[in-house]
Amino acid sequence: MADWKFYQEAAMTNAYTSFACPATVSTFHVWLGSTTTGRKIVSTTTGGNLSIAVADSTTGGHAATAVKLATTTGGISGATPGAALTIGTSVIGGTPFEFYAQFTDAVGNGVYDSTISLYVSPGAKEQAVT
């Protein structure tokens, strides 16, 4: 099974483990992918689209609405806070999906803790590229 992660660059050598916000608003360039070729992820819903979604596991602190997702930096301004980003029907290993995530640190502590996370929705399963 391939290892699917959010990466810091298209070469997929440095996976994100967390996002530190050096400013009140911080924008990150992100790639979702796997270095394993010959595999892909698809929606658990037959023929459905995959999305990158934002989750907030607790109340208080940072909310999911503190995050905007878009395929371009120009699209960030019009993105709906906390909304998922549709990425299509599959992501193929070796060819990452590129997007931007903008975090607004309304709390002012400079760190997004483990209560905010990005994940693939509605659920993904891996299969061979055919």
C-alpha atoms as a PDB file:
ATOM      1  CA  MET A   1       0.000   0.000   0.000  1.00  0.00           C
ATOM      2  CA  ALA A   2       1.261   3.472  -0.898  1.00  0.00           C
ATOM      3  CA  ASP A   3       1.827   6.186   1.688  1.00  0.00           C
ATOM      4  CA  TRP A   4      -0.366   9.242   0.885  1.00  0.00           C
ATOM      5  CA  LYS A   5       0.667  12.510   2.537  1.00  0.00           C
ATOM      6  CA  PHE A   6       0.511  16.283   2.312  1.00  0.00           C
ATOM      7  CA  TYR A   7       3.910  17.459   1.062  1.00  0.00           C
ATOM      8  CA  GLN A   8       5.834  20.744   1.101  1.00  0.00           C
ATOM      9  CA  GLU A   9       7.014  20.429  -2.515  1.00  0.00           C
ATOM     10  CA  ALA A  10       6.126  18.691  -5.797  1.00  0.00           C
ATOM     11  CA  ALA A  11       9.073  16.287  -5.460  1.00  0.00           C
ATOM     12  CA  MET A  12       7.296  14.816  -2.404  1.00  0.00           C
ATOM     13  CA  THR A  13      10.391  14.512  -0.216  1.00  0.00           C
ATOM     14  CA  ASN A  14       9.251  16.610   2.774  1.00  0.00           C
ATOM     15  CA  ALA A  15       5.861  15.827   4.259  1.00  0.00           C
ATOM     16  CA  TYR A  16       4.066  18.368   6.391  1.00  0.00           C
ATOM     17  CA  THR A  17       3.749  17.309  10.023  1.00  0.00           C
ATOM     18  CA  SER A  18       2.229  20.610  11.172  1.00  0.00           C
ATOM     19  CA  PHE A  19       1.702  24.183  10.059  1.00  0.00           C
ATOM     20  CA  ALA A  20       3.379  27.018  11.967  1.00  0.00           C
ATOM     21  CA  CYS A  21       1.920  30.462  11.349  1.00  0.00           C
ATOM     22  CA  PRO A  22       4.653  33.114  11.407  1.00  0.00           C
ATOM     23  CA  ALA A  23       2.050  35.797  10.626  1.00  0.00           C
ATOM     24  CA  THR A  24      -1.621  36.372  11.424  1.00  0.00           C
ATOM     25  CA  VAL A  25      -2.401  35.056   7.925  1.00  0.00           C
ATOM     26  CA  SER A  26      -0.123  32.353   6.507  1.00  0.00           C
ATOM     27  CA  THR A  27      -0.484  30.681   3.121  1.00  0.00           C
ATOM     28  CA  PHE A  28       1.075  27.294   2.452  1.00  0.00           C
ATOM     29  CA  HIS A  29       1.745  25.636  -0.901  1.00  0.00           C
ATOM     30  CA  VAL A  30       0.730  21.983  -0.494  1.00  0.00           C
ATOM     31  CA  TRP A  31       0.843  18.817  -2.601  1.00  0.00           C
ATOM     32  CA  LEU A  32      -1.235  15.701  -1.850  1.00  0.00           C
ATOM     33  CA  GLY A  33       0.355  12.569  -3.185  1.00  0.00           C
ATOM     34  CA  SER A  34       2.373   9.412  -2.885  1.00  0.00           C
ATOM     35  CA  THR A  35       5.792   8.548  -4.248  1.00  0.00           C
ATOM     36  CA  THR A  36       4.500   5.062  -5.119  1.00  0.00           C
ATOM     37  CA  THR A  37       3.675   4.896  -8.816  1.00  0.00           C
ATOM     38  CA  GLY A  38       1.133   2.476 -10.245  1.00  0.00           C
ATOM     39  CA  ARG A  39      -1.344   3.256  -7.452  1.00  0.00           C
ATOM     40  CA  LYS A  40      -4.104   5.846  -7.082  1.00  0.00           C
ATOM     41  CA  ILE A  41      -6.666   6.952  -4.548  1.00  0.00           C
ATOM     42  CA  VAL A  42     -10.320   7.206  -5.505  1.00  0.00           C
ATOM     43  CA  SER A  43     -13.469   8.057  -3.609  1.00  0.00           C
ATOM     44  CA  THR A  44     -15.159   5.348  -1.589  1.00  0.00           C
ATOM     45  CA  THR A  45     -18.316   6.527  -3.366  1.00  0.00           C
ATOM     46  CA  THR A  46     -18.275   4.899  -6.816  1.00  0.00           C
ATOM     47  CA  GLY A  47     -17.556   7.569  -9.426  1.00  0.00           C
ATOM     48  CA  GLY A  48     -17.563  10.323  -6.804  1.00  0.00           C
ATOM     49  CA  ASN A  49     -15.165  13.205  -6.438  1.00  0.00           C
ATOM     50  CA  LEU A  50     -12.496  13.440  -3.782  1.00  0.00           C
ATOM     51  CA  SER A  51     -12.164  16.580  -1.699  1.00  0.00           C
ATOM     52  CA  ILE A  52      -9.624  17.957   0.705  1.00  0.00           C
ATOM     53  CA  ALA A  53     -11.541  18.936   3.812  1.00  0.00           C
ATOM     54  CA  VAL A  54     -10.788  20.775   7.054  1.00  0.00           C
ATOM     55  CA  ALA A  55     -11.666  19.317  10.446  1.00  0.00           C
ATOM     56  CA  ASP A  56     -11.723  20.823  13.922  1.00  0.00           C
ATOM     57  CA  SER A  57     -11.755  18.187  16.647  1.00  0.00           C
ATOM     58  CA  THR A  58     -12.514  20.541  19.560  1.00  0.00           C
ATOM     59  CA  THR A  59     -14.438  23.685  20.364  1.00  0.00           C
ATOM     60  CA  GLY A  60     -12.568  26.855  21.212  1.00  0.00           C
ATOM     61  CA  GLY A  61      -9.188  27.842  19.879  1.00  0.00           C
ATOM     62  CA  HIS A  62      -8.826  27.584  16.119  1.00  0.00           C
ATOM     63  CA  ALA A  63     -11.944  26.746  14.125  1.00  0.00           C
ATOM     64  CA  ALA A  64     -12.139  24.992  10.753  1.00  0.00           C
ATOM     65  CA  THR A  65     -13.330  28.328   9.341  1.00  0.00           C
ATOM     66  CA  ALA A  66      -9.820  29.693   9.974  1.00  0.00           C
ATOM     67  CA  VAL A  67      -8.680  27.728   6.900  1.00  0.00           C
ATOM     68  CA  LYS A  68      -9.290  28.483   3.210  1.00  0.00           C
ATOM     69  CA  LEU A  69      -8.354  26.059   0.415  1.00  0.00           C
ATOM     70  CA  ALA A  70      -7.863  26.862  -3.279  1.00  0.00           C
ATOM     71  CA  THR A  71      -6.025  25.592  -6.349  1.00  0.00           C
ATOM     72  CA  THR A  72      -4.303  28.970  -6.887  1.00  0.00           C
ATOM     73  CA  THR A  73      -3.127  31.768  -4.625  1.00  0.00           C
ATOM     74  CA  GLY A  74      -5.549  34.072  -6.439  1.00  0.00           C
ATOM     75  CA  GLY A  75      -8.421  31.749  -5.554  1.00  0.00           C
ATOM     76  CA  ILE A  76      -7.809  32.059  -1.815  1.00  0.00           C
ATOM     77  CA  SER A  77      -9.579  35.429  -1.524  1.00  0.00           C
ATOM     78  CA  GLY A  78     -12.831  34.005  -2.924  1.00  0.00           C
ATOM     79  CA  ALA A  79     -12.643  30.674  -1.098  1.00  0.00           C
ATOM     80  CA  THR A  80     -15.238  29.928   1.547  1.00  0.00           C
ATOM     81  CA  PRO A  81     -13.657  29.622   5.014  1.00  0.00           C
ATOM     82  CA  GLY A  82     -13.703  26.009   6.200  1.00  0.00           C
ATOM     83  CA  ALA A  83     -15.072  24.648   2.903  1.00  0.00           C
ATOM     84  CA  ALA A  84     -13.706  21.518   1.268  1.00  0.00           C
ATOM     85  CA  LEU A  85     -11.780  21.728  -2.019  1.00  0.00           C
ATOM     86  CA  THR A  86     -12.930  19.308  -4.731  1.00  0.00           C
ATOM     87  CA  ILE A  87      -9.920  17.654  -6.367  1.00  0.00           C
ATOM     88  CA  GLY A  88     -11.487  15.290  -8.931  1.00  0.00           C
ATOM     89  CA  THR A  89     -12.093  11.566  -9.098  1.00  0.00           C
ATOM     90  CA  SER A  90      -8.543  10.366  -8.353  1.00  0.00           C
ATOM     91  CA  VAL A  91      -4.972  11.268  -7.444  1.00  0.00           C
ATOM     92  CA  ILE A  92      -2.324   9.116  -9.102  1.00  0.00           C
ATOM     93  CA  GLY A  93       0.849   8.126  -7.280  1.00  0.00           C
ATOM     94  CA  GLY A  94       3.894  10.046  -8.485  1.00  0.00           C
ATOM     95  CA  THR A  95       1.703  12.937  -9.707  1.00  0.00           C
ATOM     96  CA  PRO A  96       0.621  15.004  -6.694  1.00  0.00           C
ATOM     97  CA  PHE A  97      -2.406  17.283  -6.527  1.00  0.00           C
ATOM     98  CA  GLU A  98      -1.270  20.870  -5.927  1.00  0.00           C
ATOM     99  CA  PHE A  99      -3.218  23.388  -3.836  1.00  0.00           C
ATOM    100  CA  TYR A 100      -2.916  26.228  -1.332  1.00  0.00           C
ATOM    101  CA  ALA A 101      -4.057  26.362   2.278  1.00  0.00           C
ATOM    102  CA  GLN A 102      -4.390  29.692   4.046  1.00  0.00           C
ATOM    103  CA  PHE A 103      -4.582  29.770   7.833  1.00  0.00           C
ATOM    104  CA  THR A 104      -5.767  32.794   9.800  1.00  0.00           C
ATOM    105  CA  ASP A 105      -4.411  32.740  13.327  1.00  0.00           C
ATOM    106  CA  ALA A 106      -7.218  34.555  15.141  1.00  0.00           C
ATOM    107  CA  VAL A 107      -6.053  33.075  18.456  1.00  0.00           C
ATOM    108  CA  GLY A 108      -2.596  34.634  18.061  1.00  0.00           C
ATOM    109  CA  ASN A 109      -0.475  31.773  19.351  1.00  0.00           C
ATOM    110  CA  GLY A 110       1.410  31.148  16.074  1.00  0.00           C
ATOM    111  CA  VAL A 111       0.671  27.417  15.979  1.00  0.00           C
ATOM    112  CA  TYR A 112      -2.144  25.295  14.649  1.00  0.00           C
ATOM    113  CA  ASP A 113      -2.358  22.423  17.039  1.00  0.00           C
ATOM    114  CA  SER A 114      -3.687  18.940  16.411  1.00  0.00           C
ATOM    115  CA  THR A 115      -7.298  20.096  16.660  1.00  0.00           C
ATOM    116  CA  ILE A 116      -7.183  21.376  13.038  1.00  0.00           C
ATOM    117  CA  SER A 117      -6.444  18.869  10.304  1.00  0.00           C
ATOM    118  CA  LEU A 118      -6.677  18.396   6.546  1.00  0.00           C
ATOM    119  CA  TYR A 119      -7.997  15.098   5.223  1.00  0.00           C
ATOM    120  CA  VAL A 120      -9.336  13.480   2.050  1.00  0.00           C
ATOM    121  CA  SER A 121     -13.121  13.316   1.983  1.00  0.00           C
ATOM    122  CA  PRO A 122     -15.604  11.582   1.737  1.00  0.00           C
ATOM    123  CA  GLY A 123     -13.083   8.806   2.186  1.00  0.00           C
ATOM    124  CA  ALA A 124     -10.527   7.351  -0.138  1.00  0.00           C
ATOM    125  CA  LYS A 125      -9.492   3.896  -1.116  1.00  0.00           C
ATOM    126  CA  GLU A 126      -6.363   2.892  -2.951  1.00  0.00           C
ATOM    127  CA  GLN A 127      -6.288   0.819  -6.094  1.00  0.00           C
ATOM    128  CA  ALA A 128      -4.012  -0.050  -8.971  1.00  0.00           C
ATOM    129  CA  VAL A 129      -3.821   2.385 -11.889  1.00  0.00           C
ATOM    130  CA  THR A 130      -5.470   0.686 -14.853  1.00  0.00           C
END
